[in-house]
Structure formats: C-alpha cells, structure tokens
Amino acid sequence: MTRSHVALLMALAVLGLLALDQVQSTPLNPYTGPPMLALGSGLAATGGHCAAPPPK
C-alpha cells in the first residue's frame, strides 16, 4: 500500500463515521439549548475555570 492508498482509506473512514453519526443522531433543537452569549440576561454563570482560586 502506498501513502495515497492509506490517505484515501482514512478519508473514507472519516466520511463513513460522519455519515453514521448524521444518520443516528437526532437533530438539535436550538430553542432548548443555553444561550451562546448570556451577557446581561440574569442567568447565573456555571462551570469552572482552571485558573480560578479554590473556594474557601
């Protein structure tokens, strides 16, 4: 096998995985997800940050 054959097989494998994911996944509902930017919306911030000091 040459390098081009391996590259072609890998590209086909990636495309196959993407097609399988597209077929088996349910479409996302943008109205049930959190807002991308919640500036001034009153929503509390969640999650963590690795540079944040530990709580006392």
PDB file of N, CA and C in Angstrom:
ATOM      1  N   MET A   1       0.849  -1.187   0.000  1.00  0.00           N
ATOM      2  CA  MET A   1       0.000   0.000   0.000  1.00  0.00           C
ATOM      3  C   MET A   1       0.886   1.238   0.000  1.00  0.00           C
ATOM      4  N   THR A   2       0.494   2.169  -0.800  1.00  0.00           N
ATOM      5  CA  THR A   2       1.241   3.417  -0.836  1.00  0.00           C
ATOM      6  C   THR A   2       0.585   4.429   0.090  1.00  0.00           C
ATOM      7  N   ARG A   3       1.241   5.531   0.225  1.00  0.00           N
ATOM      8  CA  ARG A   3       0.735   6.582   1.112  1.00  0.00           C
ATOM      9  C   ARG A   3      -0.608   7.117   0.627  1.00  0.00           C
ATOM     10  N   SER A   4      -0.795   7.207  -0.672  1.00  0.00           N
ATOM     11  CA  SER A   4      -2.064   7.722  -1.192  1.00  0.00           C
ATOM     12  C   SER A   4      -3.211   6.752  -0.905  1.00  0.00           C
ATOM     13  N   HIS A   5      -2.928   5.432  -0.932  1.00  0.00           N
ATOM     14  CA  HIS A   5      -3.973   4.467  -0.596  1.00  0.00           C
ATOM     15  C   HIS A   5      -4.387   4.596   0.869  1.00  0.00           C
ATOM     16  N   VAL A   6      -3.414   4.757   1.735  1.00  0.00           N
ATOM     17  CA  VAL A   6      -3.722   4.898   3.162  1.00  0.00           C
ATOM     18  C   VAL A   6      -4.485   6.193   3.415  1.00  0.00           C
ATOM     19  N   ALA A   7      -4.079   7.273   2.759  1.00  0.00           N
ATOM     20  CA  ALA A   7      -4.784   8.545   2.928  1.00  0.00           C
ATOM     21  C   ALA A   7      -6.220   8.438   2.425  1.00  0.00           C
ATOM     22  N   LEU A   8      -6.416   7.742   1.313  1.00  0.00           N
ATOM     23  CA  LEU A   8      -7.765   7.566   0.784  1.00  0.00           C
ATOM     24  C   LEU A   8      -8.616   6.720   1.736  1.00  0.00           C
ATOM     25  N   LEU A   9      -8.047   5.651   2.273  1.00  0.00           N
ATOM     26  CA  LEU A   9      -8.783   4.824   3.227  1.00  0.00           C
ATOM     27  C   LEU A   9      -9.147   5.600   4.485  1.00  0.00           C
ATOM     28  N   MET A  10      -8.236   6.415   4.982  1.00  0.00           N
ATOM     29  CA  MET A  10      -8.524   7.209   6.184  1.00  0.00           C
ATOM     30  C   MET A  10      -9.605   8.250   5.899  1.00  0.00           C
ATOM     31  N   ALA A  11      -9.548   8.882   4.733  1.00  0.00           N
ATOM     32  CA  ALA A  11     -10.579   9.864   4.374  1.00  0.00           C
ATOM     33  C   ALA A  11     -11.937   9.197   4.257  1.00  0.00           C
ATOM     34  N   LEU A  12     -11.973   7.997   3.663  1.00  0.00           N
ATOM     35  CA  LEU A  12     -13.241   7.268   3.565  1.00  0.00           C
ATOM     36  C   LEU A  12     -13.750   6.844   4.933  1.00  0.00           C
ATOM     37  N   ALA A  13     -12.834   6.471   5.834  1.00  0.00           N
ATOM     38  CA  ALA A  13     -13.244   6.089   7.188  1.00  0.00           C
ATOM     39  C   ALA A  13     -13.832   7.284   7.930  1.00  0.00           C
ATOM     40  N   VAL A  14     -13.213   8.442   7.801  1.00  0.00           N
ATOM     41  CA  VAL A  14     -13.735   9.648   8.461  1.00  0.00           C
ATOM     42  C   VAL A  14     -15.096  10.017   7.886  1.00  0.00           C
ATOM     43  N   LEU A  15     -15.223   9.968   6.567  1.00  0.00           N
ATOM     44  CA  LEU A  15     -16.516  10.271   5.959  1.00  0.00           C
ATOM     45  C   LEU A  15     -17.574   9.252   6.373  1.00  0.00           C
ATOM     46  N   GLY A  16     -17.179   7.989   6.512  1.00  0.00           N
ATOM     47  CA  GLY A  16     -18.117   6.972   6.967  1.00  0.00           C
ATOM     48  C   GLY A  16     -18.588   7.234   8.388  1.00  0.00           C
ATOM     49  N   LEU A  17     -17.665   7.612   9.259  1.00  0.00           N
ATOM     50  CA  LEU A  17     -18.051   7.927  10.638  1.00  0.00           C
ATOM     51  C   LEU A  17     -18.958   9.147  10.703  1.00  0.00           C
ATOM     52  N   LEU A  18     -18.669  10.158   9.896  1.00  0.00           N
ATOM     53  CA  LEU A  18     -19.530  11.342   9.867  1.00  0.00           C
ATOM     54  C   LEU A  18     -20.922  10.995   9.346  1.00  0.00           C
ATOM     55  N   ALA A  19     -20.997  10.149   8.325  1.00  0.00           N
ATOM     56  CA  ALA A  19     -22.298   9.737   7.799  1.00  0.00           C
ATOM     57  C   ALA A  19     -23.062   8.916   8.829  1.00  0.00           C
ATOM     58  N   LEU A  20     -22.377   8.011   9.526  1.00  0.00           N
ATOM     59  CA  LEU A  20     -23.031   7.212  10.560  1.00  0.00           C
ATOM     60  C   LEU A  20     -23.559   8.102  11.685  1.00  0.00           C
ATOM     61  N   ASP A  21     -22.783   9.084  12.076  1.00  0.00           N
ATOM     62  CA  ASP A  21     -23.223   9.998  13.130  1.00  0.00           C
ATOM     63  C   ASP A  21     -24.423  10.813  12.666  1.00  0.00           C
ATOM     64  N   GLN A  22     -24.395  11.248  11.430  1.00  0.00           N
ATOM     65  CA  GLN A  22     -25.506  12.041  10.900  1.00  0.00           C
ATOM     66  C   GLN A  22     -26.788  11.228  10.839  1.00  0.00           C
ATOM     67  N   VAL A  23     -26.680   9.965  10.490  1.00  0.00           N
ATOM     68  CA  VAL A  23     -27.866   9.114  10.357  1.00  0.00           C
ATOM     69  C   VAL A  23     -28.443   8.765  11.725  1.00  0.00           C
ATOM     70  N   GLN A  24     -27.602   8.504  12.722  1.00  0.00           N
ATOM     71  CA  GLN A  24     -28.091   8.022  14.008  1.00  0.00           C
ATOM     72  C   GLN A  24     -28.409   9.121  15.014  1.00  0.00           C
ATOM     73  N   SER A  25     -27.961  10.328  14.790  1.00  0.00           N
ATOM     74  CA  SER A  25     -28.195  11.377  15.782  1.00  0.00           C
ATOM     75  C   SER A  25     -29.511  12.101  15.499  1.00  0.00           C
ATOM     76  N   THR A  26     -30.088  12.612  16.572  1.00  0.00           N
ATOM     77  CA  THR A  26     -31.307  13.408  16.431  1.00  0.00           C
ATOM     78  C   THR A  26     -30.904  14.865  16.204  1.00  0.00           C
ATOM     79  N   PRO A  27     -31.688  15.600  15.432  1.00  0.00           N
ATOM     80  CA  PRO A  27     -31.328  16.995  15.191  1.00  0.00           C
ATOM     81  C   PRO A  27     -31.405  17.825  16.470  1.00  0.00           C
ATOM     82  N   LEU A  28     -30.541  18.795  16.571  1.00  0.00           N
ATOM     83  CA  LEU A  28     -30.515  19.672  17.742  1.00  0.00           C
ATOM     84  C   LEU A  28     -31.657  20.671  17.677  1.00  0.00           C
ATOM     85  N   ASN A  29     -32.216  20.977  18.831  1.00  0.00           N
ATOM     86  CA  ASN A  29     -33.247  21.994  18.940  1.00  0.00           C
ATOM     87  C   ASN A  29     -32.589  23.242  19.511  1.00  0.00           C
ATOM     88  N   PRO A  30     -32.431  24.301  18.712  1.00  0.00           N
ATOM     89  CA  PRO A  30     -31.728  25.490  19.200  1.00  0.00           C
ATOM     90  C   PRO A  30     -32.493  26.241  20.291  1.00  0.00           C
ATOM     91  N   TYR A  31     -33.767  25.937  20.469  1.00  0.00           N
ATOM     92  CA  TYR A  31     -34.567  26.657  21.454  1.00  0.00           C
ATOM     93  C   TYR A  31     -34.454  26.061  22.856  1.00  0.00           C
ATOM     94  N   THR A  32     -33.906  24.857  22.985  1.00  0.00           N
ATOM     95  CA  THR A  32     -33.752  24.250  24.302  1.00  0.00           C
ATOM     96  C   THR A  32     -32.331  24.362  24.833  1.00  0.00           C
ATOM     97  N   GLY A  33     -31.407  24.804  24.026  1.00  0.00           N
ATOM     98  CA  GLY A  33     -30.015  24.920  24.456  1.00  0.00           C
ATOM     99  C   GLY A  33     -29.771  26.224  25.202  1.00  0.00           C
ATOM    100  N   PRO A  34     -28.660  26.312  25.923  1.00  0.00           N
ATOM    101  CA  PRO A  34     -28.330  27.564  26.609  1.00  0.00           C
ATOM    102  C   PRO A  34     -27.918  28.627  25.595  1.00  0.00           C
ATOM    103  N   PRO A  35     -28.058  29.901  25.935  1.00  0.00           N
ATOM    104  CA  PRO A  35     -27.655  30.952  25.005  1.00  0.00           C
ATOM    105  C   PRO A  35     -26.136  30.953  24.818  1.00  0.00           C
ATOM    106  N   MET A  36     -25.688  31.321  23.630  1.00  0.00           N
ATOM    107  CA  MET A  36     -24.255  31.354  23.362  1.00  0.00           C
ATOM    108  C   MET A  36     -23.585  32.468  24.169  1.00  0.00           C
ATOM    109  N   LEU A  37     -24.204  33.619  24.179  1.00  0.00           N
ATOM    110  CA  LEU A  37     -23.718  34.740  24.975  1.00  0.00           C
ATOM    111  C   LEU A  37     -24.869  35.190  25.871  1.00  0.00           C
ATOM    112  N   ALA A  38     -24.669  35.116  27.166  1.00  0.00           N
ATOM    113  CA  ALA A  38     -25.733  35.457  28.102  1.00  0.00           C
ATOM    114  C   ALA A  38     -25.402  36.750  28.826  1.00  0.00           C
ATOM    115  N   LEU A  39     -24.872  37.711  28.105  1.00  0.00           N
ATOM    116  CA  LEU A  39     -24.481  38.974  28.730  1.00  0.00           C
ATOM    117  C   LEU A  39     -25.718  39.760  29.141  1.00  0.00           C
ATOM    118  N   GLY A  40     -25.839  40.016  30.418  1.00  0.00           N
ATOM    119  CA  GLY A  40     -26.950  40.805  30.924  1.00  0.00           C
ATOM    120  C   GLY A  40     -28.279  40.091  30.927  1.00  0.00           C
ATOM    121  N   SER A  41     -28.280  38.777  30.798  1.00  0.00           N
ATOM    122  CA  SER A  41     -29.554  38.064  30.746  1.00  0.00           C
ATOM    123  C   SER A  41     -30.060  37.697  32.134  1.00  0.00           C
ATOM    124  N   GLY A  42     -29.216  37.826  33.166  1.00  0.00           N
ATOM    125  CA  GLY A  42     -29.616  37.458  34.502  1.00  0.00           C
ATOM    126  C   GLY A  42     -29.348  36.006  34.822  1.00  0.00           C
ATOM    127  N   LEU A  43     -28.858  35.232  33.869  1.00  0.00           N
ATOM    128  CA  LEU A  43     -28.543  33.837  34.127  1.00  0.00           C
ATOM    129  C   LEU A  43     -27.244  33.748  34.912  1.00  0.00           C
ATOM    130  N   ALA A  44     -27.218  32.865  35.879  1.00  0.00           N
ATOM    131  CA  ALA A  44     -26.011  32.683  36.673  1.00  0.00           C
ATOM    132  C   ALA A  44     -24.970  31.923  35.864  1.00  0.00           C
ATOM    133  N   ALA A  45     -23.728  32.296  36.061  1.00  0.00           N
ATOM    134  CA  ALA A  45     -22.640  31.602  35.376  1.00  0.00           C
ATOM    135  C   ALA A  45     -22.446  30.224  36.000  1.00  0.00           C
ATOM    136  N   THR A  46     -22.214  29.229  35.151  1.00  0.00           N
ATOM    137  CA  THR A  46     -21.970  27.879  35.638  1.00  0.00           C
ATOM    138  C   THR A  46     -20.679  27.375  35.036  1.00  0.00           C
ATOM    139  N   GLY A  47     -20.167  26.294  35.572  1.00  0.00           N
ATOM    140  CA  GLY A  47     -18.931  25.728  35.070  1.00  0.00           C
ATOM    141  C   GLY A  47     -17.748  26.196  35.897  1.00  0.00           C
ATOM    142  N   GLY A  48     -16.611  25.785  35.496  1.00  0.00           N
ATOM    143  CA  GLY A  48     -15.418  26.140  36.252  1.00  0.00           C
ATOM    144  C   GLY A  48     -14.347  26.691  35.335  1.00  0.00           C
ATOM    145  N   HIS A  49     -13.308  27.181  35.945  1.00  0.00           N
ATOM    146  CA  HIS A  49     -12.165  27.679  35.207  1.00  0.00           C
ATOM    147  C   HIS A  49     -10.928  27.212  35.942  1.00  0.00           C
ATOM    148  N   CYS A  50      -9.969  26.724  35.221  1.00  0.00           N
ATOM    149  CA  CYS A  50      -8.813  26.109  35.863  1.00  0.00           C
ATOM    150  C   CYS A  50      -7.941  27.138  36.590  1.00  0.00           C
ATOM    151  N   ALA A  51      -8.085  28.415  36.271  1.00  0.00           N
ATOM    152  CA  ALA A  51      -7.272  29.432  36.937  1.00  0.00           C
ATOM    153  C   ALA A  51      -8.008  30.077  38.112  1.00  0.00           C
ATOM    154  N   ALA A  52      -9.226  29.659  38.353  1.00  0.00           N
ATOM    155  CA  ALA A  52      -9.993  30.226  39.465  1.00  0.00           C
ATOM    156  C   ALA A  52      -9.451  29.701  40.788  1.00  0.00           C
ATOM    157  N   PRO A  53      -9.386  30.548  41.795  1.00  0.00           N
ATOM    158  CA  PRO A  53      -8.915  30.063  43.106  1.00  0.00           C
ATOM    159  C   PRO A  53      -9.931  29.114  43.713  1.00  0.00           C
ATOM    160  N   PRO A  54      -9.472  28.169  44.494  1.00  0.00           N
ATOM    161  CA  PRO A  54     -10.416  27.226  45.126  1.00  0.00           C
ATOM    162  C   PRO A  54     -11.298  27.940  46.143  1.00  0.00           C
ATOM    163  N   PRO A  55     -12.519  27.468  46.328  1.00  0.00           N
ATOM    164  CA  PRO A  55     -13.404  28.110  47.315  1.00  0.00           C
ATOM    165  C   PRO A  55     -12.874  27.858  48.737  1.00  0.00           C
ATOM    166  N   LYS A  56     -13.138  28.817  49.606  1.00  0.00           N
ATOM    167  CA  LYS A  56     -12.666  28.703  50.986  1.00  0.00           C
ATOM    168  C   LYS A  56     -13.724  28.137  51.886  1.00  0.00           C
TER     169      LYS A  56
END
